[in-house]
Amino acid sequence: MMNNPATLGLGAEGDTLSLMIGGLMPDVEVVGGQSSGGDAYYMPAAGWTRKSGGLTYGVGMFAQGGMGTEYAMGLDGLPERSELGVGRLIAPLVYNVDSKLTIGGSVDFVWAMLDLKMAMPIGSMMGLITVPPTGALGGALRFTGVGRHCPHQLQR
């Protein structure tokens, strides 16, 4: 469905439901006596197609990849980690022109998310904030009593 939707035209008449689970199992070695528990990442997938005469259509959702990393304790004593995920939602449409020619295409919606959980000194964070409307880097936001770790006020 994802790489060549026209191959769906080779299937049998009727409905087909596919459920799958893939796995990414990295072998991580860390220098310096540290350890890594990031050794199993599971990626589910599901798809449904219907073939009626020369027309085949359906929908599929795939976890295309992803991974996470756990770091040492942060400056605030809390655990730090990052997590990346990429997925796809696909709607294929296939037409069997004749026994030797099948034409297919799909509309793909691809999404990605990156989640970072780590403490950062406010001075470093301010350097990453852009100034509207120029996009120049610098303290564009006003922080007032940001949590218990930043009891002071910063202004541009």
C-alpha atoms as a PDB file:
ATOM      1  CA  MET A   1       0.000   0.000   0.000  1.00  0.00           C
ATOM      2  CA  MET A   2       2.761   2.469   0.919  1.00  0.00           C
ATOM      3  CA  ASN A   3       5.456   1.778  -1.676  1.00  0.00           C
ATOM      4  CA  ASN A   4       3.409   0.821  -4.750  1.00  0.00           C
ATOM      5  CA  PRO A   5      -0.371   1.099  -4.378  1.00  0.00           C
ATOM      6  CA  ALA A   6      -0.950  -0.417  -7.849  1.00  0.00           C
ATOM      7  CA  THR A   7      -0.001  -3.831  -6.428  1.00  0.00           C
ATOM      8  CA  LEU A   8      -3.303  -3.770  -4.500  1.00  0.00           C
ATOM      9  CA  GLY A   9      -5.009  -4.414  -7.848  1.00  0.00           C
ATOM     10  CA  LEU A  10      -3.468  -7.903  -7.840  1.00  0.00           C
ATOM     11  CA  GLY A  11      -5.494  -8.946  -4.780  1.00  0.00           C
ATOM     12  CA  ALA A  12      -8.641 -11.039  -4.649  1.00  0.00           C
ATOM     13  CA  GLU A  13     -12.184  -9.659  -4.918  1.00  0.00           C
ATOM     14  CA  GLY A  14     -13.755  -8.489  -1.686  1.00  0.00           C
ATOM     15  CA  ASP A  15     -12.506  -6.993   1.576  1.00  0.00           C
ATOM     16  CA  THR A  16      -9.066  -7.491   3.095  1.00  0.00           C
ATOM     17  CA  LEU A  17      -8.079  -6.467   6.621  1.00  0.00           C
ATOM     18  CA  SER A  18      -4.402  -6.469   7.582  1.00  0.00           C
ATOM     19  CA  LEU A  19      -3.034  -6.024  11.097  1.00  0.00           C
ATOM     20  CA  MET A  20       0.692  -6.018  11.707  1.00  0.00           C
ATOM     21  CA  ILE A  21       3.294  -5.143  14.281  1.00  0.00           C
ATOM     22  CA  GLY A  22       6.906  -4.442  13.470  1.00  0.00           C
ATOM     23  CA  GLY A  23       9.819  -3.938  15.761  1.00  0.00           C
ATOM     24  CA  LEU A  24      12.993  -1.931  15.915  1.00  0.00           C
ATOM     25  CA  MET A  25      15.429  -3.690  18.260  1.00  0.00           C
ATOM     26  CA  PRO A  26      18.684  -1.708  18.411  1.00  0.00           C
ATOM     27  CA  ASP A  27      21.739  -3.142  20.126  1.00  0.00           C
ATOM     28  CA  VAL A  28      23.036  -0.136  22.059  1.00  0.00           C
ATOM     29  CA  GLU A  29      26.466  -0.037  23.666  1.00  0.00           C
ATOM     30  CA  VAL A  30      27.391   2.937  25.801  1.00  0.00           C
ATOM     31  CA  VAL A  31      30.980   3.892  26.644  1.00  0.00           C
ATOM     32  CA  GLY A  32      31.779   4.860  30.224  1.00  0.00           C
ATOM     33  CA  GLY A  33      29.937   2.302  32.294  1.00  0.00           C
ATOM     34  CA  GLN A  34      26.452   3.639  31.481  1.00  0.00           C
ATOM     35  CA  SER A  35      23.626   1.423  30.327  1.00  0.00           C
ATOM     36  CA  SER A  36      20.762   1.812  27.907  1.00  0.00           C
ATOM     37  CA  GLY A  37      17.335   0.264  28.278  1.00  0.00           C
ATOM     38  CA  GLY A  38      16.287   1.425  24.792  1.00  0.00           C
ATOM     39  CA  ASP A  39      16.268  -1.928  23.065  1.00  0.00           C
ATOM     40  CA  ALA A  40      12.664  -2.469  21.892  1.00  0.00           C
ATOM     41  CA  TYR A  41      10.412  -0.133  19.899  1.00  0.00           C
ATOM     42  CA  TYR A  42       7.171  -1.577  18.511  1.00  0.00           C
ATOM     43  CA  MET A  43       5.427  -0.151  15.429  1.00  0.00           C
ATOM     44  CA  PRO A  44       1.805  -1.162  14.764  1.00  0.00           C
ATOM     45  CA  ALA A  45       0.131  -1.002  11.353  1.00  0.00           C
ATOM     46  CA  ALA A  46      -3.394  -1.610  10.076  1.00  0.00           C
ATOM     47  CA  GLY A  47      -4.937  -1.528   6.625  1.00  0.00           C
ATOM     48  CA  TRP A  48      -8.227  -2.275   4.905  1.00  0.00           C
ATOM     49  CA  THR A  49      -8.902  -2.609   1.181  1.00  0.00           C
ATOM     50  CA  ARG A  50     -11.920  -3.478  -0.955  1.00  0.00           C
ATOM     51  CA  LYS A  51     -11.643  -4.787  -4.505  1.00  0.00           C
ATOM     52  CA  SER A  52     -14.789  -4.583  -6.607  1.00  0.00           C
ATOM     53  CA  GLY A  53     -14.330  -5.369 -10.279  1.00  0.00           C
ATOM     54  CA  GLY A  54     -11.468  -3.288 -11.619  1.00  0.00           C
ATOM     55  CA  LEU A  55     -11.490  -0.801  -8.725  1.00  0.00           C
ATOM     56  CA  THR A  56      -9.591  -1.211  -5.444  1.00  0.00           C
ATOM     57  CA  TYR A  57      -9.579   1.338  -2.622  1.00  0.00           C
ATOM     58  CA  GLY A  58      -8.834   1.413   1.081  1.00  0.00           C
ATOM     59  CA  VAL A  59      -7.112   3.075   3.981  1.00  0.00           C
ATOM     60  CA  GLY A  60      -4.039   2.273   6.043  1.00  0.00           C
ATOM     61  CA  MET A  61      -2.248   3.636   9.084  1.00  0.00           C
ATOM     62  CA  PHE A  62       1.388   2.862   9.806  1.00  0.00           C
ATOM     63  CA  ALA A  63       3.860   3.700  12.520  1.00  0.00           C
ATOM     64  CA  GLN A  64       6.756   4.264  10.154  1.00  0.00           C
ATOM     65  CA  GLY A  65       9.484   4.610  12.749  1.00  0.00           C
ATOM     66  CA  GLY A  66      10.573   6.162  15.965  1.00  0.00           C
ATOM     67  CA  MET A  67      12.918   5.911  18.847  1.00  0.00           C
ATOM     68  CA  GLY A  68      13.613   7.328  22.279  1.00  0.00           C
ATOM     69  CA  THR A  69      16.595   8.100  24.450  1.00  0.00           C
ATOM     70  CA  GLU A  70      16.768   8.366  28.200  1.00  0.00           C
ATOM     71  CA  TYR A  71      19.496  10.568  29.633  1.00  0.00           C
ATOM     72  CA  ALA A  72      20.929  11.018  33.126  1.00  0.00           C
ATOM     73  CA  MET A  73      19.151  13.162  35.690  1.00  0.00           C
ATOM     74  CA  GLY A  74      18.773  16.798  34.663  1.00  0.00           C
ATOM     75  CA  LEU A  75      19.856  19.954  36.430  1.00  0.00           C
ATOM     76  CA  ASP A  76      16.568  19.921  38.331  1.00  0.00           C
ATOM     77  CA  GLY A  77      16.996  16.309  39.525  1.00  0.00           C
ATOM     78  CA  LEU A  78      14.258  14.983  37.223  1.00  0.00           C
ATOM     79  CA  PRO A  79      14.820  12.362  34.490  1.00  0.00           C
ATOM     80  CA  GLU A  80      15.464  13.626  30.955  1.00  0.00           C
ATOM     81  CA  ARG A  81      14.452  11.926  27.724  1.00  0.00           C
ATOM     82  CA  SER A  82      13.680  12.450  24.047  1.00  0.00           C
ATOM     83  CA  GLU A  83      11.233  10.573  21.846  1.00  0.00           C
ATOM     84  CA  LEU A  84      10.711  10.622  18.078  1.00  0.00           C
ATOM     85  CA  GLY A  85       7.783   9.123  16.197  1.00  0.00           C
ATOM     86  CA  VAL A  86       6.768   9.119  12.522  1.00  0.00           C
ATOM     87  CA  GLY A  87       3.503   7.791  11.125  1.00  0.00           C
ATOM     88  CA  ARG A  88       1.435   7.690   7.946  1.00  0.00           C
ATOM     89  CA  LEU A  89      -2.226   7.632   7.032  1.00  0.00           C
ATOM     90  CA  ILE A  90      -2.701   6.429   3.452  1.00  0.00           C
ATOM     91  CA  ALA A  91      -5.750   6.292   1.165  1.00  0.00           C
ATOM     92  CA  PRO A  92      -4.971   4.303  -2.034  1.00  0.00           C
ATOM     93  CA  LEU A  93      -7.071   4.131  -5.199  1.00  0.00           C
ATOM     94  CA  VAL A  94      -6.282   1.548  -7.871  1.00  0.00           C
ATOM     95  CA  TYR A  95      -7.846   0.742 -11.244  1.00  0.00           C
ATOM     96  CA  ASN A  96      -7.197  -2.400 -13.298  1.00  0.00           C
ATOM     97  CA  VAL A  97      -7.305  -1.109 -16.890  1.00  0.00           C
ATOM     98  CA  ASP A  98      -6.869  -4.613 -18.285  1.00  0.00           C
ATOM     99  CA  SER A  99      -5.034  -7.842 -17.364  1.00  0.00           C
ATOM    100  CA  LYS A 100      -1.635  -6.254 -18.122  1.00  0.00           C
ATOM    101  CA  LEU A 101      -2.074  -2.662 -16.881  1.00  0.00           C
ATOM    102  CA  THR A 102      -2.984  -1.464 -13.393  1.00  0.00           C
ATOM    103  CA  ILE A 103      -2.853   2.210 -12.401  1.00  0.00           C
ATOM    104  CA  GLY A 104      -2.689   3.233  -8.770  1.00  0.00           C
ATOM    105  CA  GLY A 105      -2.036   6.196  -6.566  1.00  0.00           C
ATOM    106  CA  SER A 106      -2.549   7.320  -3.003  1.00  0.00           C
ATOM    107  CA  VAL A 107      -3.011  10.340  -0.814  1.00  0.00           C
ATOM    108  CA  ASP A 108      -0.545  10.211   2.065  1.00  0.00           C
ATOM    109  CA  PHE A 109      -0.642  12.163   5.302  1.00  0.00           C
ATOM    110  CA  VAL A 110       2.698  11.909   7.107  1.00  0.00           C
ATOM    111  CA  TRP A 111       3.159  13.187  10.629  1.00  0.00           C
ATOM    112  CA  ALA A 112       6.118  13.350  12.965  1.00  0.00           C
ATOM    113  CA  MET A 113       6.491  14.298  16.585  1.00  0.00           C
ATOM    114  CA  LEU A 114       9.519  14.993  18.693  1.00  0.00           C
ATOM    115  CA  ASP A 115       9.110  15.153  22.445  1.00  0.00           C
ATOM    116  CA  LEU A 116      11.961  16.547  24.526  1.00  0.00           C
ATOM    117  CA  LYS A 117      11.816  16.413  28.279  1.00  0.00           C
ATOM    118  CA  MET A 118      14.876  18.145  29.665  1.00  0.00           C
ATOM    119  CA  ALA A 119      15.751  21.078  31.837  1.00  0.00           C
ATOM    120  CA  MET A 120      17.438  24.047  30.170  1.00  0.00           C
ATOM    121  CA  PRO A 121      18.770  27.184  31.837  1.00  0.00           C
ATOM    122  CA  ILE A 122      16.495  30.124  30.982  1.00  0.00           C
ATOM    123  CA  GLY A 123      19.418  32.073  29.458  1.00  0.00           C
ATOM    124  CA  SER A 124      19.993  29.290  26.918  1.00  0.00           C
ATOM    125  CA  MET A 125      16.281  29.017  26.159  1.00  0.00           C
ATOM    126  CA  MET A 126      15.977  32.744  25.450  1.00  0.00           C
ATOM    127  CA  GLY A 127      18.575  32.403  22.684  1.00  0.00           C
ATOM    128  CA  LEU A 128      16.303  29.928  20.871  1.00  0.00           C
ATOM    129  CA  ILE A 129      13.193  32.116  20.831  1.00  0.00           C
ATOM    130  CA  THR A 130      12.571  34.130  17.667  1.00  0.00           C
ATOM    131  CA  VAL A 131      11.517  37.774  17.472  1.00  0.00           C
ATOM    132  CA  PRO A 132       8.335  38.339  15.436  1.00  0.00           C
ATOM    133  CA  PRO A 133       8.040  39.325  12.610  1.00  0.00           C
ATOM    134  CA  THR A 134      11.734  39.246  11.656  1.00  0.00           C
ATOM    135  CA  GLY A 135      12.522  35.710  12.831  1.00  0.00           C
ATOM    136  CA  ALA A 136      15.757  36.967  14.391  1.00  0.00           C
ATOM    137  CA  LEU A 137      16.937  35.029  17.419  1.00  0.00           C
ATOM    138  CA  GLY A 138      16.649  36.616  20.838  1.00  0.00           C
ATOM    139  CA  GLY A 139      14.315  36.963  23.808  1.00  0.00           C
ATOM    140  CA  ALA A 140      10.945  37.507  22.158  1.00  0.00           C
ATOM    141  CA  LEU A 141       8.764  36.360  25.039  1.00  0.00           C
ATOM    142  CA  ARG A 142       8.120  37.799  28.449  1.00  0.00           C
ATOM    143  CA  PHE A 143       8.362  35.237  31.239  1.00  0.00           C
ATOM    144  CA  THR A 144       6.664  35.994  34.524  1.00  0.00           C
ATOM    145  CA  GLY A 145       7.299  33.598  37.389  1.00  0.00           C
ATOM    146  CA  VAL A 146       7.892  30.534  35.215  1.00  0.00           C
ATOM    147  CA  GLY A 147       7.442  27.616  37.607  1.00  0.00           C
ATOM    148  CA  ARG A 148       9.367  27.039  40.768  1.00  0.00           C
ATOM    149  CA  HIS A 149      12.715  26.883  38.951  1.00  0.00           C
ATOM    150  CA  CYS A 150      12.522  30.428  37.570  1.00  0.00           C
ATOM    151  CA  PRO A 151      10.977  32.766  40.153  1.00  0.00           C
ATOM    152  CA  HIS A 152      12.163  35.955  38.429  1.00  0.00           C
ATOM    153  CA  GLN A 153      10.830  37.931  35.479  1.00  0.00           C
ATOM    154  CA  LEU A 154      12.614  38.310  32.144  1.00  0.00           C
ATOM    155  CA  GLN A 155      11.801  40.972  29.566  1.00  0.00           C
ATOM    156  CA  ARG A 156      13.132  41.870  26.167  1.00  0.00           C
END
